[in-house]
N, C-alpha and C. Protein backbone atom coordinates (compact mmCIF):
# COMPACT_ATOMS: atom_id res chain seq x y z
N UNK A 1 7.98 1.60 -6.49
CA UNK A 1 7.69 3.37 -5.45
C UNK A 1 9.05 4.20 -5.74
N UNK A 2 9.91 4.26 -5.61
CA UNK A 2 10.65 5.57 -5.90
C UNK A 2 12.06 4.67 -6.45
N UNK A 3 12.92 5.77 -6.75
CA UNK A 3 14.36 5.45 -7.01
C UNK A 3 14.92 5.90 -5.62
N UNK A 4 16.34 6.04 -5.65
CA UNK A 4 16.71 6.30 -4.23
C UNK A 4 18.48 6.64 -4.53
N UNK A 5 19.20 7.55 -3.81
CA UNK A 5 20.26 7.40 -3.79
C UNK A 5 21.29 7.70 -2.27
N UNK A 6 22.33 7.39 -1.73
CA UNK A 6 22.58 7.64 -0.93
C UNK A 6 22.53 6.26 0.30
N UNK A 7 22.76 6.04 1.43
CA UNK A 7 22.73 5.10 2.11
C UNK A 7 21.17 4.03 2.80
N UNK A 8 20.25 4.46 1.99
CA UNK A 8 19.01 4.42 2.63
C UNK A 8 19.07 3.03 1.52
N UNK A 9 17.58 2.37 1.74
CA UNK A 9 17.23 1.39 0.94
C UNK A 9 15.58 1.08 0.46
N UNK A 10 15.22 0.39 -0.82
CA UNK A 10 14.04 -0.03 -0.71
C UNK A 10 14.03 -1.97 -0.42
N UNK A 11 12.74 -1.72 0.37
CA UNK A 11 12.63 -3.05 0.44
C UNK A 11 12.84 -4.47 -0.26
N UNK A 12 12.93 -5.82 0.09
CA UNK A 12 13.24 -6.68 -1.17
C UNK A 12 11.62 -6.56 -1.98
N UNK A 13 11.40 -6.65 -1.55
CA UNK A 13 10.05 -6.40 -2.13
C UNK A 13 10.11 -5.11 -3.70
N UNK A 14 10.53 -4.64 -3.26
CA UNK A 14 10.79 -3.37 -4.17
C UNK A 14 9.44 -2.16 -3.69
N UNK A 15 8.97 -2.27 -2.61
CA UNK A 15 7.58 -1.02 -2.64
C UNK A 15 7.88 -0.28 -1.15
N UNK A 16 8.58 -0.70 -0.45
CA UNK A 16 8.89 -0.01 0.80
C UNK A 16 10.09 1.06 1.02
N UNK A 17 10.15 2.23 1.11
CA UNK A 17 11.33 2.78 1.62
C UNK A 17 12.15 2.61 3.33
N UNK A 18 13.53 2.37 3.07
CA UNK A 18 14.18 2.01 4.28
C UNK A 18 15.19 2.86 4.69
N UNK A 19 14.76 3.39 6.08
CA UNK A 19 16.35 3.93 6.71
C UNK A 19 17.53 3.12 6.73
N UNK A 20 18.79 3.43 6.58
CA UNK A 20 19.87 2.68 6.55
C UNK A 20 19.93 1.92 7.49
N UNK A 21 20.03 0.15 7.84
CA UNK A 21 20.64 -0.56 8.62
C UNK A 21 19.38 -0.36 9.36
N UNK A 22 17.95 -0.49 8.68
CA UNK A 22 16.65 -0.57 9.12
C UNK A 22 16.70 -2.36 9.39
N UNK A 23 16.14 -2.40 10.90
CA UNK A 23 15.77 -3.73 11.23
C UNK A 23 17.29 -4.72 12.05
N UNK A 24 18.63 -3.88 11.86
CA UNK A 24 19.34 -4.47 11.85
C UNK A 24 20.28 -3.44 13.23
N UNK A 25 19.62 -2.21 13.36
CA UNK A 25 19.94 -1.26 15.01
C UNK A 25 20.14 0.10 14.40
N UNK A 26 20.22 0.96 14.67
CA UNK A 26 20.29 2.77 14.27
C UNK A 26 21.00 3.24 13.16
N UNK A 27 20.23 3.71 12.71
CA UNK A 27 20.62 4.78 11.69
C UNK A 27 21.77 5.50 11.72
N UNK A 28 22.68 6.04 11.11
CA UNK A 28 23.95 6.64 10.82
C UNK A 28 24.16 8.30 10.93
N UNK A 29 25.19 8.69 11.85
CA UNK A 29 25.41 9.97 11.65
C UNK A 29 25.49 10.45 9.89
N UNK A 30 25.01 12.10 10.15
CA UNK A 30 25.71 12.48 8.76
C UNK A 30 24.95 11.97 7.35
N UNK A 31 23.59 11.43 7.67
CA UNK A 31 22.82 10.63 6.29
C UNK A 31 22.49 11.33 5.50
N UNK A 32 22.40 11.16 3.96
CA UNK A 32 21.12 12.21 3.40
C UNK A 32 21.32 10.84 1.79
N UNK A 33 19.91 11.07 2.01
CA UNK A 33 19.12 10.00 0.59
C UNK A 33 18.19 10.85 0.05
N UNK A 34 17.81 10.52 -0.81
CA UNK A 34 16.54 11.18 -1.49
C UNK A 34 15.95 9.80 -2.81
N UNK A 35 14.56 10.05 -2.25
CA UNK A 35 14.15 8.86 -2.72
C UNK A 35 12.90 9.74 -3.83
N UNK A 36 12.77 9.25 -5.00
CA UNK A 36 11.91 9.93 -6.03
C UNK A 36 10.93 9.39 -6.49
N UNK A 37 9.72 9.32 -6.13
CA UNK A 37 8.20 8.90 -6.34
C UNK A 37 8.25 8.56 -7.41
N UNK A 38 7.70 7.25 -8.02
CA UNK A 38 7.39 7.14 -9.59
C UNK A 38 6.06 7.19 -9.63
N UNK A 39 5.15 6.83 -8.64
CA UNK A 39 3.93 6.92 -8.78
C UNK A 39 2.75 7.75 -7.79
N UNK A 40 1.63 8.40 -8.15
CA UNK A 40 0.67 8.74 -7.11
C UNK A 40 0.33 7.18 -5.98
N UNK A 41 0.82 7.99 -4.71
CA UNK A 41 0.39 6.85 -3.86
C UNK A 41 -0.15 7.27 -2.46
N UNK A 42 -0.43 6.82 -1.52
CA UNK A 42 -0.69 7.53 0.14
C UNK A 42 0.61 6.79 0.62
N UNK A 43 1.20 7.06 1.43
CA UNK A 43 2.06 6.30 2.04
C UNK A 43 1.44 5.89 3.20
N UNK A 44 1.93 4.79 3.82
CA UNK A 44 1.65 4.63 5.41
C UNK A 44 2.63 3.72 5.69
N UNK A 45 2.87 4.55 7.00
CA UNK A 45 4.41 4.23 7.92
C UNK A 45 3.90 2.87 8.69
N UNK A 46 5.18 2.18 8.47
CA UNK A 46 5.01 0.86 9.61
C UNK A 46 6.30 0.90 10.36
N UNK A 47 6.75 2.01 10.52
CA UNK A 47 8.08 2.39 11.73
C UNK A 47 8.88 3.57 11.60
N UNK A 48 8.13 3.97 12.52
CA UNK A 48 9.09 5.38 12.41
C UNK A 48 9.87 5.70 13.91
N UNK A 49 10.98 6.21 13.85
CA UNK A 49 11.75 6.30 15.07
C UNK A 49 13.02 7.51 14.58
N UNK A 50 12.92 8.57 14.87
CA UNK A 50 13.72 9.43 14.07
C UNK A 50 14.46 10.72 15.36
N UNK A 51 14.80 10.78 15.38
CA UNK A 51 15.65 11.90 16.48
C UNK A 51 14.50 13.35 16.60
N UNK A 52 13.38 13.40 17.94
CA UNK A 52 12.69 14.39 17.85
C UNK A 52 13.31 15.67 18.47
N UNK A 53 12.65 16.57 17.48
CA UNK A 53 12.95 18.40 17.79
C UNK A 53 11.21 19.25 17.20
N UNK A 54 11.44 20.17 18.19
CA UNK A 54 10.39 20.27 17.95
C UNK A 54 10.05 20.76 16.26
N UNK A 55 11.34 21.48 15.59
CA UNK A 55 11.37 21.79 14.27
C UNK A 55 11.60 21.11 13.38
N UNK A 56 12.06 19.72 14.28
CA UNK A 56 12.79 18.32 12.93
C UNK A 56 14.39 18.85 12.81
N UNK A 57 14.50 19.76 13.47
CA UNK A 57 16.10 20.68 12.93
C UNK A 57 17.36 19.97 12.83
N UNK A 58 17.11 18.39 13.65
CA UNK A 58 18.49 17.61 13.64
C UNK A 58 18.33 16.59 12.45
N UNK A 59 17.47 15.68 13.15
CA UNK A 59 17.10 14.37 12.01
C UNK A 59 15.52 14.58 11.10
N UNK A 60 15.60 14.28 10.27
CA UNK A 60 14.62 14.75 9.54
C UNK A 60 13.85 14.05 7.87
N UNK A 61 12.69 13.25 7.75
CA UNK A 61 12.51 13.00 6.20
C UNK A 61 11.63 14.17 5.90
N UNK A 62 11.91 14.74 5.02
CA UNK A 62 11.05 15.72 4.40
C UNK A 62 10.44 15.07 3.00
N UNK A 63 8.82 15.51 2.94
CA UNK A 63 8.10 15.37 1.52
C UNK A 63 8.25 16.94 0.89
N UNK A 64 8.87 16.44 0.05
CA UNK A 64 9.29 17.51 -1.15
C UNK A 64 8.16 17.29 -2.44
N UNK A 65 7.19 18.51 -2.52
CA UNK A 65 5.75 18.43 -3.40
C UNK A 65 6.20 18.99 -4.55
N UNK A 66 6.78 18.39 -5.54
CA UNK A 66 6.89 19.30 -6.98
C UNK A 66 6.19 20.08 -7.46
N UNK A 67 4.65 19.79 -7.73
CA UNK A 67 3.91 20.73 -8.13
C UNK A 67 3.84 22.05 -6.96
N UNK A 68 4.02 21.89 -6.03
CA UNK A 68 3.57 23.08 -4.91
C UNK A 68 5.40 23.49 -4.67
N UNK A 69 6.33 22.84 -4.79
CA UNK A 69 8.13 23.70 -4.35
C UNK A 69 7.69 23.90 -3.04
N UNK A 70 7.29 22.76 -1.90
CA UNK A 70 6.92 23.24 -0.79
C UNK A 70 7.04 21.60 -0.17
N UNK A 71 7.83 22.05 1.81
CA UNK A 71 8.05 20.54 1.56
C UNK A 71 7.23 20.68 3.32
N UNK A 72 7.52 19.33 3.92
CA UNK A 72 6.95 19.13 5.06
C UNK A 72 7.63 18.35 5.96
N UNK A 73 8.40 18.81 7.11
CA UNK A 73 8.99 17.73 7.77
C UNK A 73 8.65 16.97 8.66
N UNK A 74 9.44 15.51 9.05
CA UNK A 74 8.61 14.73 10.13
C UNK A 74 9.80 14.32 10.77
N UNK A 75 9.81 14.24 12.35
CA UNK A 75 10.80 13.72 13.39
C UNK A 75 10.03 12.60 14.30
N UNK A 76 10.99 12.05 15.38
CA UNK A 76 9.91 12.15 16.34
C UNK A 76 10.01 10.43 16.52
N UNK A 77 9.06 9.94 17.55
CA UNK A 77 8.91 7.89 17.70
C UNK A 77 7.63 8.11 17.54
N UNK A 78 7.15 7.11 16.62
CA UNK A 78 6.05 6.42 16.67
C UNK A 78 5.08 6.65 14.79
N UNK A 79 4.29 6.07 14.58
CA UNK A 79 3.95 5.99 13.10
C UNK A 79 2.92 7.21 13.13
N UNK A 80 2.88 7.85 14.10
CA UNK A 80 1.63 9.37 14.12
C UNK A 80 2.27 10.98 13.72
N UNK A 81 4.17 10.30 14.01
CA UNK A 81 4.65 11.04 14.34
C UNK A 81 5.67 11.17 12.59
N UNK A 82 5.29 10.23 11.74
CA UNK A 82 5.73 9.91 10.41
C UNK A 82 4.34 10.85 9.37
N UNK A 83 4.81 10.76 8.14
CA UNK A 83 4.19 10.92 7.06
C UNK A 83 3.01 9.76 6.59
N UNK A 84 2.31 9.20 7.79
CA UNK A 84 1.23 8.62 7.73
C UNK A 84 0.07 9.10 6.92
N UNK A 85 -0.76 8.63 6.09
CA UNK A 85 -1.53 8.92 5.27
C UNK A 85 -1.42 9.65 4.08
N UNK A 86 0.11 10.33 3.74
CA UNK A 86 0.30 11.83 3.57
C UNK A 86 0.13 11.02 2.05
N UNK A 87 -0.20 12.15 0.93
CA UNK A 87 -0.41 11.60 -0.32
C UNK A 87 0.59 12.06 -1.07
N UNK A 88 1.40 11.79 -2.44
CA UNK A 88 2.45 11.98 -2.86
C UNK A 88 2.29 11.73 -4.39
N UNK A 89 3.12 12.48 -5.08
CA UNK A 89 2.47 11.91 -6.64
C UNK A 89 4.09 11.68 -7.36
N UNK A 90 4.00 11.35 -8.33
CA UNK A 90 4.46 11.15 -9.08
C UNK A 90 5.65 12.27 -9.28
N UNK A 91 6.92 12.56 -8.97
CA UNK A 91 8.24 13.48 -9.08
C UNK A 91 8.68 14.06 -7.85
N UNK A 92 7.73 13.46 -6.84
CA UNK A 92 7.92 14.18 -5.15
C UNK A 92 8.89 13.34 -5.06
N UNK A 93 9.55 14.33 -4.14
CA UNK A 93 11.07 13.19 -3.45
C UNK A 93 10.68 13.61 -1.93
N UNK A 94 10.82 12.09 -1.50
CA UNK A 94 11.34 12.39 0.20
C UNK A 94 12.78 12.05 0.67
N UNK A 95 13.41 13.04 1.37
CA UNK A 95 14.73 13.14 1.40
C UNK A 95 14.76 13.05 3.18
N UNK A 96 15.99 12.33 3.30
CA UNK A 96 16.25 11.62 4.86
C UNK A 96 17.55 12.83 5.59
N UNK A 97 17.55 13.14 6.27
CA UNK A 97 18.85 13.89 6.87
C UNK A 97 18.78 13.53 7.82
N UNK A 98 20.02 13.70 8.14
CA UNK A 98 20.76 13.18 10.26
C UNK A 98 21.63 14.06 10.26
N UNK A 99 21.76 14.01 11.44
CA UNK A 99 23.09 15.20 11.51
C UNK A 99 24.34 14.44 12.78
N UNK A 100 24.87 15.12 13.18
CA UNK A 100 26.32 13.95 13.92
C UNK A 100 26.31 13.70 15.06
N UNK A 101 24.99 13.37 15.86
CA UNK A 101 24.67 12.63 17.00
C UNK A 101 23.74 11.80 17.55
N UNK A 102 22.43 12.18 18.05
CA UNK A 102 21.25 11.47 18.66
C UNK A 102 20.94 10.55 17.13
N UNK A 103 21.15 9.14 17.18
CA UNK A 103 20.34 8.51 16.24
C UNK A 103 18.90 7.48 16.51
N UNK A 104 18.37 7.00 15.91
CA UNK A 104 17.71 6.13 16.38
C UNK A 104 17.25 4.95 15.32
N UNK A 105 15.71 4.17 15.42
CA UNK A 105 15.79 2.88 14.77
C UNK A 105 15.54 3.25 13.50
N UNK A 106 15.13 4.11 12.79
CA UNK A 106 14.86 5.15 11.63
C UNK A 106 13.75 4.77 11.06
N UNK A 107 13.22 4.36 10.08
CA UNK A 107 11.97 4.54 9.28
C UNK A 107 11.75 2.91 8.22
N UNK A 108 10.33 3.04 8.28
CA UNK A 108 9.93 1.56 6.81
C UNK A 108 8.65 2.30 6.80
N UNK A 109 8.58 2.87 5.24
CA UNK A 109 7.61 3.65 4.98
C UNK A 109 6.70 3.02 3.35
N UNK A 110 6.30 2.79 3.23
CA UNK A 110 5.67 1.94 2.35
C UNK A 110 4.13 2.49 1.31
N UNK A 111 4.12 2.42 0.32
CA UNK A 111 2.67 2.82 -0.19
C UNK A 111 1.42 1.99 -0.06
N UNK A 112 0.67 2.62 0.46
CA UNK A 112 -1.11 1.78 0.47
C UNK A 112 -1.14 1.07 -0.80
N UNK A 113 -1.83 -0.51 -0.21
CA UNK A 113 -1.82 -1.38 -0.92
C UNK A 113 -3.72 -1.10 -0.79
N UNK A 114 -4.14 -1.44 -1.94
CA UNK A 114 -5.78 -1.88 -1.84
C UNK A 114 -5.97 -3.23 -2.07
N UNK A 115 -7.13 -3.89 -1.18
CA UNK A 115 -7.89 -4.49 -0.67
C UNK A 115 -8.43 -5.68 -2.21
N UNK A 116 -8.26 -6.27 -2.18
CA UNK A 116 -8.96 -7.25 -3.28
C UNK A 116 -9.96 -7.18 -3.48
N UNK A 117 -11.04 -6.64 -4.78
CA UNK A 117 -11.92 -5.70 -5.16
C UNK A 117 -12.12 -4.50 -5.28
N UNK A 118 -11.06 -4.13 -5.14
CA UNK A 118 -10.86 -2.39 -5.11
C UNK A 118 -9.33 -1.97 -6.08
N UNK A 119 -8.89 -1.25 -6.70
CA UNK A 119 -7.85 -1.10 -7.13
C UNK A 119 -7.18 0.28 -6.80
N UNK A 120 -6.24 0.63 -6.86
CA UNK A 120 -5.43 2.36 -7.22
C UNK A 120 -5.39 2.96 -8.57
N UNK A 121 -5.94 3.85 -8.64
CA UNK A 121 -6.66 4.36 -9.93
C UNK A 121 -5.06 5.07 -10.65
N UNK A 122 -4.80 4.75 -11.81
CA UNK A 122 -4.00 5.39 -12.07
C UNK A 122 -3.85 6.16 -13.70
N UNK A 123 -5.17 6.66 -13.59
CA UNK A 123 -5.60 7.00 -14.84
C UNK A 123 -5.13 9.25 -14.80
N UNK A 124 -4.02 9.47 -13.91
CA UNK A 124 -3.16 10.68 -14.03
C UNK A 124 -4.49 11.59 -13.59
N UNK A 125 -5.00 11.35 -12.80
CA UNK A 125 -6.33 12.32 -11.85
C UNK A 125 -6.26 12.61 -10.77
N UNK A 126 -4.54 11.97 -10.45
CA UNK A 126 -4.22 12.04 -8.98
C UNK A 126 -5.77 11.68 -8.10
N UNK A 127 -6.25 9.95 -8.17
CA UNK A 127 -7.36 9.64 -7.43
C UNK A 127 -6.47 8.45 -6.59
N UNK A 128 -6.27 9.02 -5.56
CA UNK A 128 -5.43 8.33 -4.86
C UNK A 128 -5.77 6.60 -3.82
N UNK A 129 -6.98 7.40 -3.41
CA UNK A 129 -7.38 5.99 -2.62
C UNK A 129 -7.94 5.15 -3.10
N UNK A 130 -8.30 4.32 -2.61
CA UNK A 130 -8.75 2.59 -3.30
C UNK A 130 -10.09 2.56 -3.60
N UNK A 131 -10.53 2.35 -5.48
CA UNK A 131 -11.76 2.51 -5.77
C UNK A 131 -12.30 1.38 -5.92
N UNK A 132 -13.92 0.20 -5.52
CA UNK A 132 -14.68 -0.44 -5.50
C UNK A 132 -14.13 -0.98 -7.48
N UNK A 133 -14.06 -2.15 -7.86
CA UNK A 133 -14.09 -3.00 -8.93
C UNK A 133 -15.68 -2.70 -9.53
N UNK A 134 -15.72 -2.56 -10.78
CA UNK A 134 -17.12 -2.01 -11.06
C UNK A 134 -17.84 -3.71 -11.43
N UNK A 135 -19.11 -3.97 -11.12
CA UNK A 135 -19.64 -4.88 -11.49
C UNK A 135 -19.15 -5.80 -12.33
N UNK A 136 -18.83 -7.16 -12.00
CA UNK A 136 -18.67 -8.19 -12.90
C UNK A 136 -16.99 -8.46 -13.03
N UNK A 137 -16.27 -7.70 -12.51
CA UNK A 137 -14.69 -7.30 -12.33
C UNK A 137 -13.93 -7.57 -11.56
N UNK A 138 -13.15 -7.56 -10.91
CA UNK A 138 -12.37 -7.92 -9.82
C UNK A 138 -10.85 -7.61 -9.78
N UNK A 139 -10.42 -7.39 -8.74
CA UNK A 139 -8.84 -7.78 -8.86
C UNK A 139 -8.45 -8.05 -7.07
N UNK A 140 -6.99 -8.29 -7.69
CA UNK A 140 -6.39 -8.96 -6.03
C UNK A 140 -5.92 -7.82 -5.46
N UNK A 141 -5.19 -8.18 -4.28
CA UNK A 141 -4.95 -6.85 -3.48
C UNK A 141 -3.83 -6.60 -4.07
N UNK A 142 -4.07 -5.43 -3.80
CA UNK A 142 -2.27 -4.12 -4.53
C UNK A 142 -2.39 -4.20 -6.11
N UNK A 143 -4.07 -4.19 -6.73
CA UNK A 143 -4.01 -4.04 -7.75
C UNK A 143 -3.81 -2.61 -8.54
N UNK A 144 -3.84 -2.37 -9.47
CA UNK A 144 -3.91 -0.58 -10.12
C UNK A 144 -5.25 -0.94 -10.69
N UNK A 145 -5.72 -1.97 -11.69
CA UNK A 145 -7.18 -2.15 -12.61
C UNK A 145 -7.57 -3.72 -12.13
N UNK A 146 -9.13 -3.59 -12.41
CA UNK A 146 -9.71 -4.60 -12.29
C UNK A 146 -10.22 -5.67 -13.69
N UNK A 147 -8.84 -6.44 -13.54
CA UNK A 147 -8.47 -7.02 -14.59
C UNK A 147 -9.50 -8.34 -14.92
N UNK A 148 -9.88 -9.16 -13.50
CA UNK A 148 -10.34 -10.57 -13.78
C UNK A 148 -12.03 -10.01 -14.01
N UNK A 149 -12.48 -11.04 -15.15
CA UNK A 149 -14.34 -10.78 -15.31
C UNK A 149 -14.25 -12.21 -14.52
N UNK A 150 -16.08 -11.60 -14.49
CA UNK A 150 -16.61 -12.47 -13.99
C UNK A 150 -16.97 -14.38 -14.64
N UNK A 151 -17.00 -14.89 -13.75
CA UNK A 151 -17.06 -16.16 -14.68
C UNK A 151 -18.04 -16.06 -14.99
N UNK A 152 -18.22 -17.53 -15.35
CA UNK A 152 -19.68 -18.19 -16.60
C UNK A 152 -20.70 -18.75 -15.61
N UNK A 153 -20.92 -18.75 -14.49
CA UNK A 153 -21.48 -19.36 -13.34
C UNK A 153 -22.99 -18.84 -13.85
N UNK A 154 -24.53 -19.41 -13.62
CA UNK A 154 -25.36 -18.66 -13.86
C UNK A 154 -25.13 -17.97 -12.78
N UNK A 155 -26.37 -16.95 -13.20
CA UNK A 155 -26.74 -15.66 -12.09
C UNK A 155 -27.32 -16.53 -10.88
N UNK A 156 -27.16 -16.04 -9.66
CA UNK A 156 -27.55 -16.19 -8.73
C UNK A 156 -26.34 -17.02 -7.78
N UNK A 157 -25.76 -17.78 -8.51
CA UNK A 157 -24.59 -18.39 -7.86
C UNK A 157 -23.22 -18.08 -7.69
N UNK A 158 -22.12 -18.98 -7.30
CA UNK A 158 -21.11 -18.07 -6.55
C UNK A 158 -19.78 -19.13 -7.12
N UNK A 159 -18.67 -18.71 -7.56
CA UNK A 159 -17.46 -19.41 -8.08
C UNK A 159 -16.21 -18.99 -6.85
N UNK A 160 -15.54 -19.97 -6.34
CA UNK A 160 -14.38 -19.58 -6.02
C UNK A 160 -13.32 -18.81 -6.28
N UNK A 161 -13.52 -18.96 -7.61
CA UNK A 161 -12.53 -17.96 -8.27
C UNK A 161 -13.00 -16.62 -7.95
N UNK A 162 -12.10 -15.42 -7.35
CA UNK A 162 -12.87 -14.00 -6.94
C UNK A 162 -13.15 -13.33 -8.13
N UNK A 163 -12.86 -13.71 -9.29
CA UNK A 163 -12.93 -13.11 -10.38
C UNK A 163 -14.87 -13.19 -10.32
N UNK A 164 -15.42 -14.47 -10.16
CA UNK A 164 -16.94 -14.14 -10.23
C UNK A 164 -17.51 -13.43 -9.32
N UNK A 165 -17.60 -12.68 -8.18
CA UNK A 165 -18.37 -11.59 -7.41
C UNK A 165 -19.94 -12.23 -7.30
N UNK A 166 -20.27 -13.09 -7.71
CA UNK A 166 -21.76 -13.38 -7.35
C UNK A 166 -21.95 -14.42 -6.30
N UNK A 167 -23.45 -13.72 -5.97
CA UNK A 167 -23.87 -14.55 -4.66
C UNK A 167 -24.12 -15.71 -4.84
N UNK A 168 -24.04 -16.83 -4.37
CA UNK A 168 -24.57 -18.15 -4.43
C UNK A 168 -25.90 -18.33 -4.05
N UNK A 169 -26.70 -19.64 -4.43
CA UNK A 169 -28.16 -19.84 -4.54
C UNK A 169 -27.91 -20.85 -3.17
N UNK A 170 -28.91 -20.63 -2.42
CA UNK A 170 -28.82 -21.36 -0.95
C UNK A 170 -28.92 -22.95 -1.10
N UNK A 171 -27.74 -23.55 -0.54
CA UNK A 171 -27.65 -24.83 -1.19
C UNK A 171 -26.47 -24.92 -2.40
N UNK A 172 -25.74 -24.34 -2.39
CA UNK A 172 -25.04 -24.71 -3.61
C UNK A 172 -23.73 -23.60 -3.59
N UNK A 173 -22.43 -24.61 -4.03
CA UNK A 173 -21.00 -23.47 -3.44
C UNK A 173 -20.34 -23.43 -5.23
N UNK A 174 -19.14 -22.88 -4.74
CA UNK A 174 -18.59 -23.16 -5.87
C UNK A 174 -17.41 -24.04 -6.02
N UNK A 175 -17.36 -24.52 -6.73
CA UNK A 175 -15.70 -25.09 -6.93
C UNK A 175 -14.54 -25.11 -8.02
N UNK A 176 -14.79 -24.00 -8.98
CA UNK A 176 -13.97 -23.88 -9.59
C UNK A 176 -14.40 -22.80 -10.49
N UNK A 177 -13.45 -21.78 -11.40
CA UNK A 177 -14.35 -20.60 -12.18
C UNK A 177 -15.45 -20.93 -13.24
N UNK A 178 -16.61 -21.12 -13.00
CA UNK A 178 -18.10 -21.23 -13.85
C UNK A 178 -18.56 -22.46 -13.60
N UNK A 179 -18.08 -23.22 -12.13
CA UNK A 179 -18.55 -24.90 -12.47
C UNK A 179 -19.60 -24.36 -10.53
N UNK A 180 -20.70 -24.39 -10.53
CA UNK A 180 -21.26 -24.26 -9.02
C UNK A 180 -22.16 -25.23 -8.99
N UNK A 181 -21.66 -25.99 -7.56
CA UNK A 181 -22.24 -27.34 -7.06
C UNK A 181 -22.84 -27.19 -6.14
N UNK A 182 -23.75 -28.73 -5.81
CA UNK A 182 -24.90 -28.24 -4.98
C UNK A 182 -24.20 -29.34 -3.59
N UNK A 183 -24.49 -28.48 -2.74
CA UNK A 183 -23.55 -29.16 -1.43
C UNK A 183 -23.82 -30.73 -1.03
N UNK A 184 -23.01 -31.14 -0.12
CA UNK A 184 -23.27 -32.62 -0.36
C UNK A 184 -23.90 -32.55 1.16
N UNK A 185 -24.25 -33.96 0.99
CA UNK A 185 -25.62 -34.35 1.81
C UNK A 185 -24.93 -33.66 3.35
N UNK A 186 -25.88 -33.34 4.26
CA UNK A 186 -25.34 -32.84 5.65
C UNK A 186 -25.15 -31.13 5.51
N UNK A 187 -24.65 -31.19 4.20
CA UNK A 187 -23.99 -29.30 4.13
C UNK A 187 -24.81 -28.05 3.44
N UNK A 188 -25.19 -27.08 4.07
CA UNK A 188 -26.05 -26.39 3.77
C UNK A 188 -25.31 -24.80 3.33
N UNK A 189 -25.55 -24.04 2.32
CA UNK A 189 -24.85 -22.97 2.46
C UNK A 189 -26.20 -21.60 2.42
N UNK A 190 -26.12 -20.63 2.88
CA UNK A 190 -26.78 -19.56 2.73
C UNK A 190 -26.55 -18.35 1.10
N UNK A 191 -26.98 -17.87 0.73
CA UNK A 191 -26.25 -16.84 -0.42
C UNK A 191 -25.23 -16.27 -0.27
N UNK A 192 -24.59 -16.58 -1.37
CA UNK A 192 -23.03 -15.12 -1.05
C UNK A 192 -22.00 -16.18 -0.10
N UNK A 193 -22.37 -17.41 0.21
CA UNK A 193 -21.09 -18.22 0.58
C UNK A 193 -21.16 -19.73 -0.08
N UNK A 194 -19.37 -19.68 0.27
CA UNK A 194 -18.99 -21.39 -0.54
C UNK A 194 -19.27 -22.18 0.73
N UNK A 195 -19.31 -23.62 0.46
CA UNK A 195 -19.57 -24.54 1.61
C UNK A 195 -18.08 -24.56 2.31
């Protein structure tokens, strides 16, 4: 999601930004970190506990939008106090600063991941929300495109491979890509189910 400098961190999976000492205690005094965003996304706050102040004068997380040369500051305790569901773009910066006194447990902020069957457009048009895959294609969760193509199951049948995305005929189910099987004795499916 971003490069950074300072005492902050990126999660081991490489996608979430973290305050220093996140999950080990309190962030430190007099910290400064800058994260530079690599791609357009929507931020999802998983944890936010930053010294509260009406104007975020002491400790704050700021979103600097490169296109507007403007910033928004966040502080307080709780997901709603952080930049939850805020859109950021490639080149924007997320800046963290703390003063020399009160500290909190910090923050964990991740990019929005799209569900299976949807994708996050990366066509340069700043489309940030998840978009459904076109008919006959599929994606895994977190995908930026719909790469999987429908299997060769006959029309009206189902394959357990998510690439198929087709309804099953009542009484059949998918066992592998392109292979639809009749249900065993005593079992039955309705349309669009697997056994």
